[in-house]
C-alpha atoms as a PDB file:
ATOM      1  CA  UNK A   1       3.663 -20.062 -11.876  1.00  0.00           C
ATOM      2  CA  UNK A   2       0.908 -18.559 -13.988  1.00  0.00           C
ATOM      3  CA  UNK A   3      -2.892 -18.912 -12.930  1.00  0.00           C
ATOM      4  CA  UNK A   4      -5.225 -17.898 -14.492  1.00  0.00           C
ATOM      5  CA  UNK A   5      -4.962 -14.979 -16.598  1.00  0.00           C
ATOM      6  CA  UNK A   6      -3.523 -12.761 -14.323  1.00  0.00           C
ATOM      7  CA  UNK A   7      -1.691 -14.699 -10.895  1.00  0.00           C
ATOM      8  CA  UNK A   8       1.263 -16.389 -10.189  1.00  0.00           C
ATOM      9  CA  UNK A   9       1.513 -18.851  -7.663  1.00  0.00           C
ATOM     10  CA  UNK A  10       4.748 -17.994  -5.396  1.00  0.00           C
ATOM     11  CA  UNK A  11       5.246 -21.861  -5.078  1.00  0.00           C
ATOM     12  CA  UNK A  12       7.945 -21.345  -2.864  1.00  0.00           C
ATOM     13  CA  UNK A  13       8.198 -20.015   1.014  1.00  0.00           C
ATOM     14  CA  UNK A  14       8.193 -16.604   0.464  1.00  0.00           C
ATOM     15  CA  UNK A  15       7.636 -14.691   3.958  1.00  0.00           C
ATOM     16  CA  UNK A  16       7.461 -11.513   5.925  1.00  0.00           C
ATOM     17  CA  UNK A  17      10.194 -11.943   8.774  1.00  0.00           C
ATOM     18  CA  UNK A  18       9.899  -8.260  10.154  1.00  0.00           C
ATOM     19  CA  UNK A  19       7.770  -4.493   9.601  1.00  0.00           C
ATOM     20  CA  UNK A  20       8.814  -1.358  10.143  1.00  0.00           C
ATOM     21  CA  UNK A  21       6.323   1.524  10.458  1.00  0.00           C
ATOM     22  CA  UNK A  22       6.715   5.438  10.767  1.00  0.00           C
ATOM     23  CA  UNK A  23       3.192   7.318  11.032  1.00  0.00           C
ATOM     24  CA  UNK A  24       2.719  10.990  10.837  1.00  0.00           C
ATOM     25  CA  UNK A  25       0.663  12.767  14.154  1.00  0.00           C
ATOM     26  CA  UNK A  26      -2.393  12.727  12.112  1.00  0.00           C
ATOM     27  CA  UNK A  27      -2.419   8.468  12.152  1.00  0.00           C
ATOM     28  CA  UNK A  28      -1.017   8.187  15.410  1.00  0.00           C
ATOM     29  CA  UNK A  29      -3.540   9.576  16.362  1.00  0.00           C
ATOM     30  CA  UNK A  30      -5.590   7.059  14.154  1.00  0.00           C
ATOM     31  CA  UNK A  31      -7.106   3.746  14.943  1.00  0.00           C
ATOM     32  CA  UNK A  32      -3.582   2.551  14.613  1.00  0.00           C
ATOM     33  CA  UNK A  33      -1.632   4.882  16.484  1.00  0.00           C
ATOM     34  CA  UNK A  34       0.060   1.626  19.643  1.00  0.00           C
ATOM     35  CA  UNK A  35       0.535  -0.689  16.304  1.00  0.00           C
ATOM     36  CA  UNK A  36       3.048   2.136  15.156  1.00  0.00           C
ATOM     37  CA  UNK A  37       7.280   1.908  15.408  1.00  0.00           C
ATOM     38  CA  UNK A  38       7.449   5.855  15.600  1.00  0.00           C
ATOM     39  CA  UNK A  39       4.868   8.254  15.582  1.00  0.00           C
ATOM     40  CA  UNK A  40       6.147  11.570  14.224  1.00  0.00           C
ATOM     41  CA  UNK A  41       5.097  14.889  17.041  1.00  0.00           C
ATOM     42  CA  UNK A  42       5.301  17.297  14.008  1.00  0.00           C
ATOM     43  CA  UNK A  43       4.940  17.141  10.217  1.00  0.00           C
ATOM     44  CA  UNK A  44       8.476  18.603   9.335  1.00  0.00           C
ATOM     45  CA  UNK A  45      10.242  15.911  11.480  1.00  0.00           C
ATOM     46  CA  UNK A  46      13.287  18.664  11.935  1.00  0.00           C
ATOM     47  CA  UNK A  47      13.400  19.260   8.201  1.00  0.00           C
ATOM     48  CA  UNK A  48      13.710  22.277   5.803  1.00  0.00           C
ATOM     49  CA  UNK A  49      10.887  20.719   3.610  1.00  0.00           C
ATOM     50  CA  UNK A  50       8.128  18.466   3.995  1.00  0.00           C
ATOM     51  CA  UNK A  51       9.887  16.659   1.153  1.00  0.00           C
ATOM     52  CA  UNK A  52      12.990  16.397   2.742  1.00  0.00           C
ATOM     53  CA  UNK A  53      10.445  14.734   5.222  1.00  0.00           C
ATOM     54  CA  UNK A  54       8.580  12.177   3.413  1.00  0.00           C
ATOM     55  CA  UNK A  55      12.379  11.163   2.654  1.00  0.00           C
ATOM     56  CA  UNK A  56      13.864  11.233   5.749  1.00  0.00           C
ATOM     57  CA  UNK A  57      10.633   8.787   6.559  1.00  0.00           C
ATOM     58  CA  UNK A  58      11.128   6.932   3.948  1.00  0.00           C
ATOM     59  CA  UNK A  59      15.005   6.293   5.040  1.00  0.00           C
ATOM     60  CA  UNK A  60      14.435   5.276   8.822  1.00  0.00           C
ATOM     61  CA  UNK A  61      11.980   2.636   7.960  1.00  0.00           C
ATOM     62  CA  UNK A  62      14.112   0.607   5.858  1.00  0.00           C
ATOM     63  CA  UNK A  63      16.559   1.305   8.317  1.00  0.00           C
ATOM     64  CA  UNK A  64      14.338   0.472  11.089  1.00  0.00           C
ATOM     65  CA  UNK A  65      13.557  -2.885   8.907  1.00  0.00           C
ATOM     66  CA  UNK A  66      16.955  -3.728   8.517  1.00  0.00           C
ATOM     67  CA  UNK A  67      18.095  -3.523  12.630  1.00  0.00           C
ATOM     68  CA  UNK A  68      15.086  -5.697  13.046  1.00  0.00           C
ATOM     69  CA  UNK A  69      15.879  -7.887  10.703  1.00  0.00           C
ATOM     70  CA  UNK A  70      19.863  -8.189  11.912  1.00  0.00           C
ATOM     71  CA  UNK A  71      20.411  -6.958   7.955  1.00  0.00           C
ATOM     72  CA  UNK A  72      23.121  -5.082   6.338  1.00  0.00           C
ATOM     73  CA  UNK A  73      24.110  -3.361   2.982  1.00  0.00           C
ATOM     74  CA  UNK A  74      25.574  -6.840   2.142  1.00  0.00           C
ATOM     75  CA  UNK A  75      23.565  -9.109   3.514  1.00  0.00           C
ATOM     76  CA  UNK A  76      20.175  -7.265   1.103  1.00  0.00           C
ATOM     77  CA  UNK A  77      19.971  -8.678  -1.902  1.00  0.00           C
ATOM     78  CA  UNK A  78      17.600  -6.179  -3.458  1.00  0.00           C
ATOM     79  CA  UNK A  79      15.067  -2.325  -2.054  1.00  0.00           C
ATOM     80  CA  UNK A  80      12.016  -2.327  -4.202  1.00  0.00           C
ATOM     81  CA  UNK A  81      10.149   0.493  -3.726  1.00  0.00           C
ATOM     82  CA  UNK A  82       8.422   3.697  -4.535  1.00  0.00           C
ATOM     83  CA  UNK A  83       6.274   7.443  -3.644  1.00  0.00           C
ATOM     84  CA  UNK A  84       4.048   9.378  -5.318  1.00  0.00           C
ATOM     85  CA  UNK A  85       6.097  12.548  -6.057  1.00  0.00           C
ATOM     86  CA  UNK A  86       7.457  13.292  -9.404  1.00  0.00           C
ATOM     87  CA  UNK A  87      10.912  11.205  -9.937  1.00  0.00           C
ATOM     88  CA  UNK A  88      10.093   8.926  -7.058  1.00  0.00           C
ATOM     89  CA  UNK A  89      12.619  10.818  -5.219  1.00  0.00           C
ATOM     90  CA  UNK A  90      11.733   9.846  -1.662  1.00  0.00           C
ATOM     91  CA  UNK A  91      12.545   6.184  -2.591  1.00  0.00           C
ATOM     92  CA  UNK A  92      15.447   7.773  -5.183  1.00  0.00           C
ATOM     93  CA  UNK A  93      17.188   9.523  -2.202  1.00  0.00           C
ATOM     94  CA  UNK A  94      17.181   6.771   0.093  1.00  0.00           C
ATOM     95  CA  UNK A  95      18.239   4.844  -2.140  1.00  0.00           C
ATOM     96  CA  UNK A  96      21.503   6.386  -2.605  1.00  0.00           C
ATOM     97  CA  UNK A  97      22.352   5.886   1.314  1.00  0.00           C
ATOM     98  CA  UNK A  98      22.065   2.178   0.856  1.00  0.00           C
ATOM     99  CA  UNK A  99      24.517   0.023  -1.337  1.00  0.00           C
ATOM    100  CA  UNK A 100      22.093  -2.885  -2.417  1.00  0.00           C
ATOM    101  CA  UNK A 101      20.945  -3.346  -5.468  1.00  0.00           C
ATOM    102  CA  UNK A 102      17.607  -0.309  -6.278  1.00  0.00           C
ATOM    103  CA  UNK A 103      13.639  -1.242  -8.417  1.00  0.00           C
ATOM    104  CA  UNK A 104      12.009   1.560  -8.332  1.00  0.00           C
ATOM    105  CA  UNK A 105       8.531   1.670  -9.057  1.00  0.00           C
ATOM    106  CA  UNK A 106       5.814   3.385  -9.688  1.00  0.00           C
ATOM    107  CA  UNK A 107       1.843   2.393  -8.882  1.00  0.00           C
ATOM    108  CA  UNK A 108       0.520   5.328  -7.177  1.00  0.00           C
ATOM    109  CA  UNK A 109      -0.744   4.236  -4.061  1.00  0.00           C
ATOM    110  CA  UNK A 110      -0.826   1.249  -5.419  1.00  0.00           C
ATOM    111  CA  UNK A 111       2.670   0.753  -5.142  1.00  0.00           C
ATOM    112  CA  UNK A 112       3.546  -0.878  -1.979  1.00  0.00           C
ATOM    113  CA  UNK A 113       1.154  -4.093  -3.490  1.00  0.00           C
ATOM    114  CA  UNK A 114       3.744  -3.744  -6.861  1.00  0.00           C
ATOM    115  CA  UNK A 115       6.719  -3.857  -4.557  1.00  0.00           C
ATOM    116  CA  UNK A 116       5.096  -6.731  -2.507  1.00  0.00           C
ATOM    117  CA  UNK A 117       4.576  -8.770  -5.700  1.00  0.00           C
ATOM    118  CA  UNK A 118       7.572  -7.662  -7.615  1.00  0.00           C
ATOM    119  CA  UNK A 119       9.774  -9.169  -4.668  1.00  0.00           C
ATOM    120  CA  UNK A 120       8.179 -12.124  -4.427  1.00  0.00           C
ATOM    121  CA  UNK A 121       8.274 -13.491  -7.289  1.00  0.00           C
ATOM    122  CA  UNK A 122      11.897 -12.847  -7.261  1.00  0.00           C
ATOM    123  CA  UNK A 123      13.066 -14.567  -4.565  1.00  0.00           C
ATOM    124  CA  UNK A 124      10.099 -16.789  -5.827  1.00  0.00           C
ATOM    125  CA  UNK A 125      11.596 -17.191  -8.508  1.00  0.00           C
ATOM    126  CA  UNK A 126      15.456 -18.370  -6.723  1.00  0.00           C
ATOM    127  CA  UNK A 127      15.833 -15.248  -8.570  1.00  0.00           C
ATOM    128  CA  UNK A 128      17.593 -13.693  -5.249  1.00  0.00           C
ATOM    129  CA  UNK A 129      17.462 -14.892  -1.081  1.00  0.00           C
ATOM    130  CA  UNK A 130      16.016 -11.647   0.417  1.00  0.00           C
ATOM    131  CA  UNK A 131      14.499  -7.907  -0.294  1.00  0.00           C
ATOM    132  CA  UNK A 132      13.469  -5.007   1.475  1.00  0.00           C
ATOM    133  CA  UNK A 133      10.042  -2.546   0.206  1.00  0.00           C
ATOM    134  CA  UNK A 134       9.069   0.256   1.316  1.00  0.00           C
ATOM    135  CA  UNK A 135       6.744   3.271   0.784  1.00  0.00           C
ATOM    136  CA  UNK A 136       5.826   6.528   1.567  1.00  0.00           C
ATOM    137  CA  UNK A 137       3.890   9.446   1.493  1.00  0.00           C
ATOM    138  CA  UNK A 138       3.415  12.418   3.177  1.00  0.00           C
ATOM    139  CA  UNK A 139       0.440  15.030   2.911  1.00  0.00           C
ATOM    140  CA  UNK A 140       1.733  18.270   1.881  1.00  0.00           C
ATOM    141  CA  UNK A 141       3.965  16.491  -0.829  1.00  0.00           C
ATOM    142  CA  UNK A 142       0.503  14.949  -2.257  1.00  0.00           C
ATOM    143  CA  UNK A 143      -1.449  17.956  -1.931  1.00  0.00           C
ATOM    144  CA  UNK A 144       0.965  19.891  -3.467  1.00  0.00           C
ATOM    145  CA  UNK A 145       2.422  17.683  -6.060  1.00  0.00           C
ATOM    146  CA  UNK A 146      -1.509  16.539  -7.233  1.00  0.00           C
ATOM    147  CA  UNK A 147      -4.171  19.358  -6.081  1.00  0.00           C
ATOM    148  CA  UNK A 148      -3.141  22.703  -4.701  1.00  0.00           C
ATOM    149  CA  UNK A 149      -0.132  23.842  -1.964  1.00  0.00           C
ATOM    150  CA  UNK A 150      -1.939  24.323   1.450  1.00  0.00           C
ATOM    151  CA  UNK A 151      -0.679  27.777   1.731  1.00  0.00           C
ATOM    152  CA  UNK A 152      -4.108  28.471  -0.738  1.00  0.00           C
ATOM    153  CA  UNK A 153      -6.293  27.359   2.245  1.00  0.00           C
ATOM    154  CA  UNK A 154      -8.164  24.653  -0.542  1.00  0.00           C
ATOM    155  CA  UNK A 155     -11.264  23.543   1.319  1.00  0.00           C
ATOM    156  CA  UNK A 156     -11.916  19.232   0.910  1.00  0.00           C
ATOM    157  CA  UNK A 157     -15.058  17.988  -0.785  1.00  0.00           C
ATOM    158  CA  UNK A 158     -17.239  15.614   0.010  1.00  0.00           C
ATOM    159  CA  UNK A 159     -15.932  12.707  -2.233  1.00  0.00           C
ATOM    160  CA  UNK A 160     -11.804  14.133  -1.511  1.00  0.00           C
ATOM    161  CA  UNK A 161     -10.052  12.127   1.280  1.00  0.00           C
ATOM    162  CA  UNK A 162      -6.335  12.938   3.110  1.00  0.00           C
ATOM    163  CA  UNK A 163      -3.062  11.261   2.013  1.00  0.00           C
ATOM    164  CA  UNK A 164      -1.224   9.472   4.634  1.00  0.00           C
ATOM    165  CA  UNK A 165       2.161  10.878   5.843  1.00  0.00           C
ATOM    166  CA  UNK A 166       4.199   7.967   6.347  1.00  0.00           C
ATOM    167  CA  UNK A 167       6.114   5.400   5.876  1.00  0.00           C
ATOM    168  CA  UNK A 168       5.854   1.348   6.223  1.00  0.00           C
ATOM    169  CA  UNK A 169       8.840  -1.621   4.819  1.00  0.00           C
ATOM    170  CA  UNK A 170       8.530  -5.050   4.860  1.00  0.00           C
ATOM    171  CA  UNK A 171      10.979  -7.767   4.804  1.00  0.00           C
ATOM    172  CA  UNK A 172      10.798 -10.826   2.576  1.00  0.00           C
ATOM    173  CA  UNK A 173      13.031 -13.555   2.983  1.00  0.00           C
ATOM    174  CA  UNK A 174      13.292 -17.326   1.395  1.00  0.00           C
ATOM    175  CA  UNK A 175      12.399 -18.832   5.239  1.00  0.00           C
ATOM    176  CA  UNK A 176      10.551 -22.339   6.340  1.00  0.00           C
ATOM    177  CA  UNK A 177      10.158 -20.582   9.298  1.00  0.00           C
ATOM    178  CA  UNK A 178       6.179 -21.316   9.977  1.00  0.00           C
ATOM    179  CA  UNK A 179       6.156 -18.208  12.350  1.00  0.00           C
ATOM    180  CA  UNK A 180       6.232 -15.611  10.118  1.00  0.00           C
ATOM    181  CA  UNK A 181       3.481 -14.713   7.189  1.00  0.00           C
ATOM    182  CA  UNK A 182       4.210 -16.041   3.495  1.00  0.00           C
ATOM    183  CA  UNK A 183       3.271 -14.713   0.285  1.00  0.00           C
ATOM    184  CA  UNK A 184       1.238 -17.384  -1.541  1.00  0.00           C
ATOM    185  CA  UNK A 185       0.201 -15.426  -4.486  1.00  0.00           C
ATOM    186  CA  UNK A 186       0.146 -12.240  -6.525  1.00  0.00           C
ATOM    187  CA  UNK A 187      -2.614 -11.216  -9.376  1.00  0.00           C
ATOM    188  CA  UNK A 188      -1.304  -7.963 -11.496  1.00  0.00           C
ATOM    189  CA  UNK A 189      -3.751  -5.647 -12.552  1.00  0.00           C
ATOM    190  CA  UNK A 190      -5.077  -4.247 -15.120  1.00  0.00           C
ATOM    191  CA  UNK A 191      -5.677  -0.953 -16.019  1.00  0.00           C
ATOM    192  CA  UNK A 192      -9.061   0.173 -16.012  1.00  0.00           C
ATOM    193  CA  UNK A 193     -10.705   3.399 -16.350  1.00  0.00           C
ATOM    194  CA  UNK A 194     -14.217   4.407 -15.943  1.00  0.00           C
ATOM    195  CA  UNK A 195     -14.263   8.251 -17.047  1.00  0.00           C
ATOM    196  CA  UNK A 196     -13.648   9.940 -14.043  1.00  0.00           C
ATOM    197  CA  UNK A 197     -12.864  13.833 -14.378  1.00  0.00           C
ATOM    198  CA  UNK A 198     -12.116  14.468 -10.684  1.00  0.00           C
ATOM    199  CA  UNK A 199      -9.192  14.498  -8.667  1.00  0.00           C
ATOM    200  CA  UNK A 200     -11.276  14.707  -5.646  1.00  0.00           C
ATOM    201  CA  UNK A 201     -13.260  11.621  -6.351  1.00  0.00           C
ATOM    202  CA  UNK A 202     -10.459   8.729  -5.522  1.00  0.00           C
ATOM    203  CA  UNK A 203     -12.361   6.478  -4.457  1.00  0.00           C
ATOM    204  CA  UNK A 204     -14.482   6.186  -7.582  1.00  0.00           C
ATOM    205  CA  UNK A 205     -12.260   6.297  -9.381  1.00  0.00           C
ATOM    206  CA  UNK A 206     -10.265   3.464  -7.908  1.00  0.00           C
ATOM    207  CA  UNK A 207     -12.908   1.143  -7.107  1.00  0.00           C
ATOM    208  CA  UNK A 208     -13.509  -0.119 -10.716  1.00  0.00           C
ATOM    209  CA  UNK A 209      -9.576  -1.096 -10.707  1.00  0.00           C
ATOM    210  CA  UNK A 210      -9.909  -2.901  -7.880  1.00  0.00           C
ATOM    211  CA  UNK A 211     -13.174  -4.449  -8.403  1.00  0.00           C
ATOM    212  CA  UNK A 212     -11.139  -6.682 -11.282  1.00  0.00           C
ATOM    213  CA  UNK A 213      -8.455  -7.271  -9.476  1.00  0.00           C
ATOM    214  CA  UNK A 214     -10.284  -9.285  -6.763  1.00  0.00           C
ATOM    215  CA  UNK A 215     -12.530 -10.800  -9.276  1.00  0.00           C
ATOM    216  CA  UNK A 216      -9.561 -11.877 -11.336  1.00  0.00           C
ATOM    217  CA  UNK A 217      -7.855 -12.370  -8.307  1.00  0.00           C
ATOM    218  CA  UNK A 218     -10.952 -15.263  -6.871  1.00  0.00           C
ATOM    219  CA  UNK A 219     -11.507 -16.840 -10.585  1.00  0.00           C
ATOM    220  CA  UNK A 220      -7.991 -17.443 -11.287  1.00  0.00           C
ATOM    221  CA  UNK A 221      -7.143 -19.176  -8.094  1.00  0.00           C
ATOM    222  CA  UNK A 222     -10.802 -20.524  -7.950  1.00  0.00           C
ATOM    223  CA  UNK A 223     -11.574 -19.381  -4.581  1.00  0.00           C
ATOM    224  CA  UNK A 224     -14.790 -17.478  -2.545  1.00  0.00           C
ATOM    225  CA  UNK A 225     -14.257 -14.251  -1.101  1.00  0.00           C
ATOM    226  CA  UNK A 226     -14.255 -16.307   2.803  1.00  0.00           C
ATOM    227  CA  UNK A 227     -11.331 -17.741   1.241  1.00  0.00           C
ATOM    228  CA  UNK A 228     -10.328 -14.987   3.286  1.00  0.00           C
ATOM    229  CA  UNK A 229     -10.203 -13.978   7.050  1.00  0.00           C
ATOM    230  CA  UNK A 230     -10.127 -10.012   5.455  1.00  0.00           C
ATOM    231  CA  UNK A 231     -10.001  -8.508   1.814  1.00  0.00           C
ATOM    232  CA  UNK A 232      -8.398  -5.483   2.669  1.00  0.00           C
ATOM    233  CA  UNK A 233      -8.810  -2.969  -0.515  1.00  0.00           C
ATOM    234  CA  UNK A 234      -5.849   0.255   0.030  1.00  0.00           C
ATOM    235  CA  UNK A 235      -6.905   3.694  -0.678  1.00  0.00           C
ATOM    236  CA  UNK A 236     -10.362   3.886  -1.655  1.00  0.00           C
ATOM    237  CA  UNK A 237     -12.140   4.849   1.661  1.00  0.00           C
ATOM    238  CA  UNK A 238     -15.580   4.810   3.601  1.00  0.00           C
ATOM    239  CA  UNK A 239     -17.092   5.665  -0.353  1.00  0.00           C
ATOM    240  CA  UNK A 240     -15.125   3.760  -2.302  1.00  0.00           C
ATOM    241  CA  UNK A 241     -15.368   1.268  -0.365  1.00  0.00           C
ATOM    242  CA  UNK A 242     -19.453   1.361  -0.612  1.00  0.00           C
ATOM    243  CA  UNK A 243     -18.441   2.053  -4.713  1.00  0.00           C
ATOM    244  CA  UNK A 244     -16.820  -1.810  -5.014  1.00  0.00           C
ATOM    245  CA  UNK A 245     -18.722  -3.589  -2.571  1.00  0.00           C
ATOM    246  CA  UNK A 246     -21.835  -2.807  -5.016  1.00  0.00           C
ATOM    247  CA  UNK A 247     -18.860  -3.684  -8.233  1.00  0.00           C
ATOM    248  CA  UNK A 248     -18.737  -7.077  -6.998  1.00  0.00           C
ATOM    249  CA  UNK A 249     -21.713  -7.261  -6.187  1.00  0.00           C
ATOM    250  CA  UNK A 250     -23.132  -7.252  -9.217  1.00  0.00           C
ATOM    251  CA  UNK A 251     -20.639  -9.696 -10.593  1.00  0.00           C
ATOM    252  CA  UNK A 252     -21.838 -11.975  -8.244  1.00  0.00           C
ATOM    253  CA  UNK A 253     -18.871 -12.325  -5.755  1.00  0.00           C
ATOM    254  CA  UNK A 254     -20.627 -11.062  -2.027  1.00  0.00           C
ATOM    255  CA  UNK A 255     -17.184  -9.605  -0.429  1.00  0.00           C
ATOM    256  CA  UNK A 256     -19.787  -8.399   2.751  1.00  0.00           C
ATOM    257  CA  UNK A 257     -19.006 -10.569   5.469  1.00  0.00           C
ATOM    258  CA  UNK A 258     -14.533  -9.945   4.835  1.00  0.00           C
ATOM    259  CA  UNK A 259     -14.206  -6.640   2.859  1.00  0.00           C
ATOM    260  CA  UNK A 260     -12.665  -3.403   4.645  1.00  0.00           C
ATOM    261  CA  UNK A 261     -10.295  -0.469   3.336  1.00  0.00           C
ATOM    262  CA  UNK A 262      -7.071   0.585   4.951  1.00  0.00           C
ATOM    263  CA  UNK A 263      -7.879   4.001   4.332  1.00  0.00           C
ATOM    264  CA  UNK A 264     -11.448   3.536   5.927  1.00  0.00           C
ATOM    265  CA  UNK A 265      -9.538   1.822   8.431  1.00  0.00           C
ATOM    266  CA  UNK A 266      -7.444   4.360   9.394  1.00  0.00           C
ATOM    267  CA  UNK A 267      -8.346   7.037  11.113  1.00  0.00           C
ATOM    268  CA  UNK A 268     -11.462   7.746  13.465  1.00  0.00           C
ATOM    269  CA  UNK A 269     -14.639   9.344  13.192  1.00  0.00           C
ATOM    270  CA  UNK A 270     -13.368  12.296  14.890  1.00  0.00           C
ATOM    271  CA  UNK A 271     -10.995  13.063  12.738  1.00  0.00           C
ATOM    272  CA  UNK A 272     -13.454  14.709  10.806  1.00  0.00           C
ATOM    273  CA  UNK A 273     -11.000  16.579   8.196  1.00  0.00           C
ATOM    274  CA  UNK A 274      -9.765  13.117   6.394  1.00  0.00           C
ATOM    275  CA  UNK A 275     -13.815  13.113   4.836  1.00  0.00           C
ATOM    276  CA  UNK A 276     -13.768  10.116   3.194  1.00  0.00           C
ATOM    277  CA  UNK A 277     -10.849   8.833   4.692  1.00  0.00           C
ATOM    278  CA  UNK A 278      -6.645   7.551   4.063  1.00  0.00           C
ATOM    279  CA  UNK A 279      -4.186   7.445   0.569  1.00  0.00           C
ATOM    280  CA  UNK A 280      -1.711   7.644  -0.481  1.00  0.00           C
ATOM    281  CA  UNK A 281       1.844   4.863  -1.142  1.00  0.00           C
ATOM    282  CA  UNK A 282       1.831   5.117   2.720  1.00  0.00           C
ATOM    283  CA  UNK A 283      -1.360   4.386   3.410  1.00  0.00           C
ATOM    284  CA  UNK A 284      -1.951   0.297   2.907  1.00  0.00           C
ATOM    285  CA  UNK A 285       1.954  -0.135   3.443  1.00  0.00           C
ATOM    286  CA  UNK A 286       2.052   1.034   7.086  1.00  0.00           C
ATOM    287  CA  UNK A 287      -1.713  -0.590   8.173  1.00  0.00           C
ATOM    288  CA  UNK A 288      -0.681  -3.528   6.991  1.00  0.00           C
ATOM    289  CA  UNK A 289       3.015  -3.748   8.072  1.00  0.00           C
ATOM    290  CA  UNK A 290       1.579  -2.569  11.556  1.00  0.00           C
ATOM    291  CA  UNK A 291      -1.767  -3.695  12.817  1.00  0.00           C
ATOM    292  CA  UNK A 292      -1.962  -6.261   9.974  1.00  0.00           C
ATOM    293  CA  UNK A 293       0.819  -8.200  10.556  1.00  0.00           C
ATOM    294  CA  UNK A 294       0.735  -7.793  14.120  1.00  0.00           C
ATOM    295  CA  UNK A 295      -2.504  -9.464  14.113  1.00  0.00           C
ATOM    296  CA  UNK A 296      -1.345 -12.328  12.198  1.00  0.00           C
ATOM    297  CA  UNK A 297       1.758 -13.418  14.516  1.00  0.00           C
ATOM    298  CA  UNK A 298      -0.196 -13.096  16.712  1.00  0.00           C
ATOM    299  CA  UNK A 299      -2.844 -15.639  15.562  1.00  0.00           C
ATOM    300  CA  UNK A 300      -5.676 -13.549  15.187  1.00  0.00           C
ATOM    301  CA  UNK A 301      -5.643 -13.122  11.220  1.00  0.00           C
ATOM    302  CA  UNK A 302      -4.195 -16.121   9.154  1.00  0.00           C
ATOM    303  CA  UNK A 303      -5.626 -15.566   5.912  1.00  0.00           C
ATOM    304  CA  UNK A 304      -5.290 -11.917   3.712  1.00  0.00           C
ATOM    305  CA  UNK A 305      -5.772 -10.705   0.253  1.00  0.00           C
ATOM    306  CA  UNK A 306      -4.291  -7.359   0.574  1.00  0.00           C
ATOM    307  CA  UNK A 307      -5.389  -5.278  -2.457  1.00  0.00           C
ATOM    308  CA  UNK A 308      -3.279  -2.205  -2.482  1.00  0.00           C
ATOM    309  CA  UNK A 309      -4.708   0.832  -5.329  1.00  0.00           C
ATOM    310  CA  UNK A 310      -3.874   2.960  -7.225  1.00  0.00           C
ATOM    311  CA  UNK A 311      -4.648   5.991  -9.451  1.00  0.00           C
ATOM    312  CA  UNK A 312      -2.385   7.154 -12.161  1.00  0.00           C
ATOM    313  CA  UNK A 313      -2.839  10.589 -12.893  1.00  0.00           C
ATOM    314  CA  UNK A 314      -0.769  13.699 -12.904  1.00  0.00           C
ATOM    315  CA  UNK A 315      -2.503  17.582 -12.211  1.00  0.00           C
ATOM    316  CA  UNK A 316      -1.205  18.438 -15.159  1.00  0.00           C
ATOM    317  CA  UNK A 317      -4.181  16.093 -17.052  1.00  0.00           C
ATOM    318  CA  UNK A 318      -6.432  16.311 -15.308  1.00  0.00           C
ATOM    319  CA  UNK A 319      -6.672  20.004 -15.630  1.00  0.00           C
ATOM    320  CA  UNK A 320      -6.831  19.574 -18.454  1.00  0.00           C
ATOM    321  CA  UNK A 321      -9.385  17.727 -18.236  1.00  0.00           C
ATOM    322  CA  UNK A 322      -8.514  13.735 -19.120  1.00  0.00           C
ATOM    323  CA  UNK A 323     -10.042  11.236 -17.167  1.00  0.00           C
ATOM    324  CA  UNK A 324      -8.062   8.887 -14.152  1.00  0.00           C
ATOM    325  CA  UNK A 325      -6.973   5.440 -15.123  1.00  0.00           C
ATOM    326  CA  UNK A 326      -6.310   3.241 -12.559  1.00  0.00           C
ATOM    327  CA  UNK A 327      -4.874   0.126 -10.939  1.00  0.00           C
ATOM    328  CA  UNK A 328      -5.028  -2.618  -8.771  1.00  0.00           C
ATOM    329  CA  UNK A 329      -2.506  -5.437  -7.378  1.00  0.00           C
ATOM    330  CA  UNK A 330      -3.947  -8.419  -5.386  1.00  0.00           C
ATOM    331  CA  UNK A 331      -1.230 -10.213  -2.738  1.00  0.00           C
ATOM    332  CA  UNK A 332      -2.258 -14.023  -1.053  1.00  0.00           C
ATOM    333  CA  UNK A 333      -0.595 -13.125   2.884  1.00  0.00           C
ATOM    334  CA  UNK A 334      -0.764 -16.500   4.318  1.00  0.00           C
ATOM    335  CA  UNK A 335      -0.222 -17.827   8.286  1.00  0.00           C
ATOM    336  CA  UNK A 336       1.129 -21.584   8.268  1.00  0.00           C
ATOM    337  CA  UNK A 337      -1.940 -24.220   9.229  1.00  0.00           C
END
């Protein structure tokens, strides 16, 4: 049901009944290493290229969540997902190995949120019974596509972030089992462009869209920020998180007690090369599907607003001086009282 300007209330029970995560070695050494299902020993995972490694991660994450859910190709109605590569090849090349209807989606680093939203609305509207959401990213593939090949040895800027190597999958289904978290509402964000044209400053480019989506979500549902145990932006990093807090506070929304960012959380302080933290379509996916999902299942979080953020850029356009539009989508995930 449409609520307010940009939001939708999911009126029937759409629950996340299983998750699966695969993380790269740097991510495994970060704050959530013990929560991931698989931590790779290296960034190639026995593959001939980093692109093939990302495809393998994506496919194995789908297989892993299906095994946990005791699902088969015949029992899964739809596969949703995306990645950062041209024509979302990691996702599409993975999907060809499953006999499942496929919806490929692209929202840059916000793709996990977009995929959860589309899946939840289709299940909530009784169009399908269940679906798998999977998104991925890889540091080396993203650097090659959006900035420079690693062989150049380009030094990171103080505002840059480290693209997460990882893939995360969620199994969504119509279920009345109250032991699992359910998606209760989604807010589909608008594209916001505040004139940032630095491809190494994603936090500043994405924070305005994240602020806009969070404020619209709270307005549409008539909630204060404290309704949630935590509001988690997706990929802003430490600096972008500060910008987000400032923008919301300037508009009368105080988030200090509940705000955090998956990109700012994923690495620890000793991992200096991450600079401002993580980003990528795999960032919010592996952080939610590992740490936050498991902590919700343990009863440590009851209500979370997940807001993955995406910078809709290409290397060609930024080199031509074009600015960077961004979009963010909010997903309300709650445990039953």
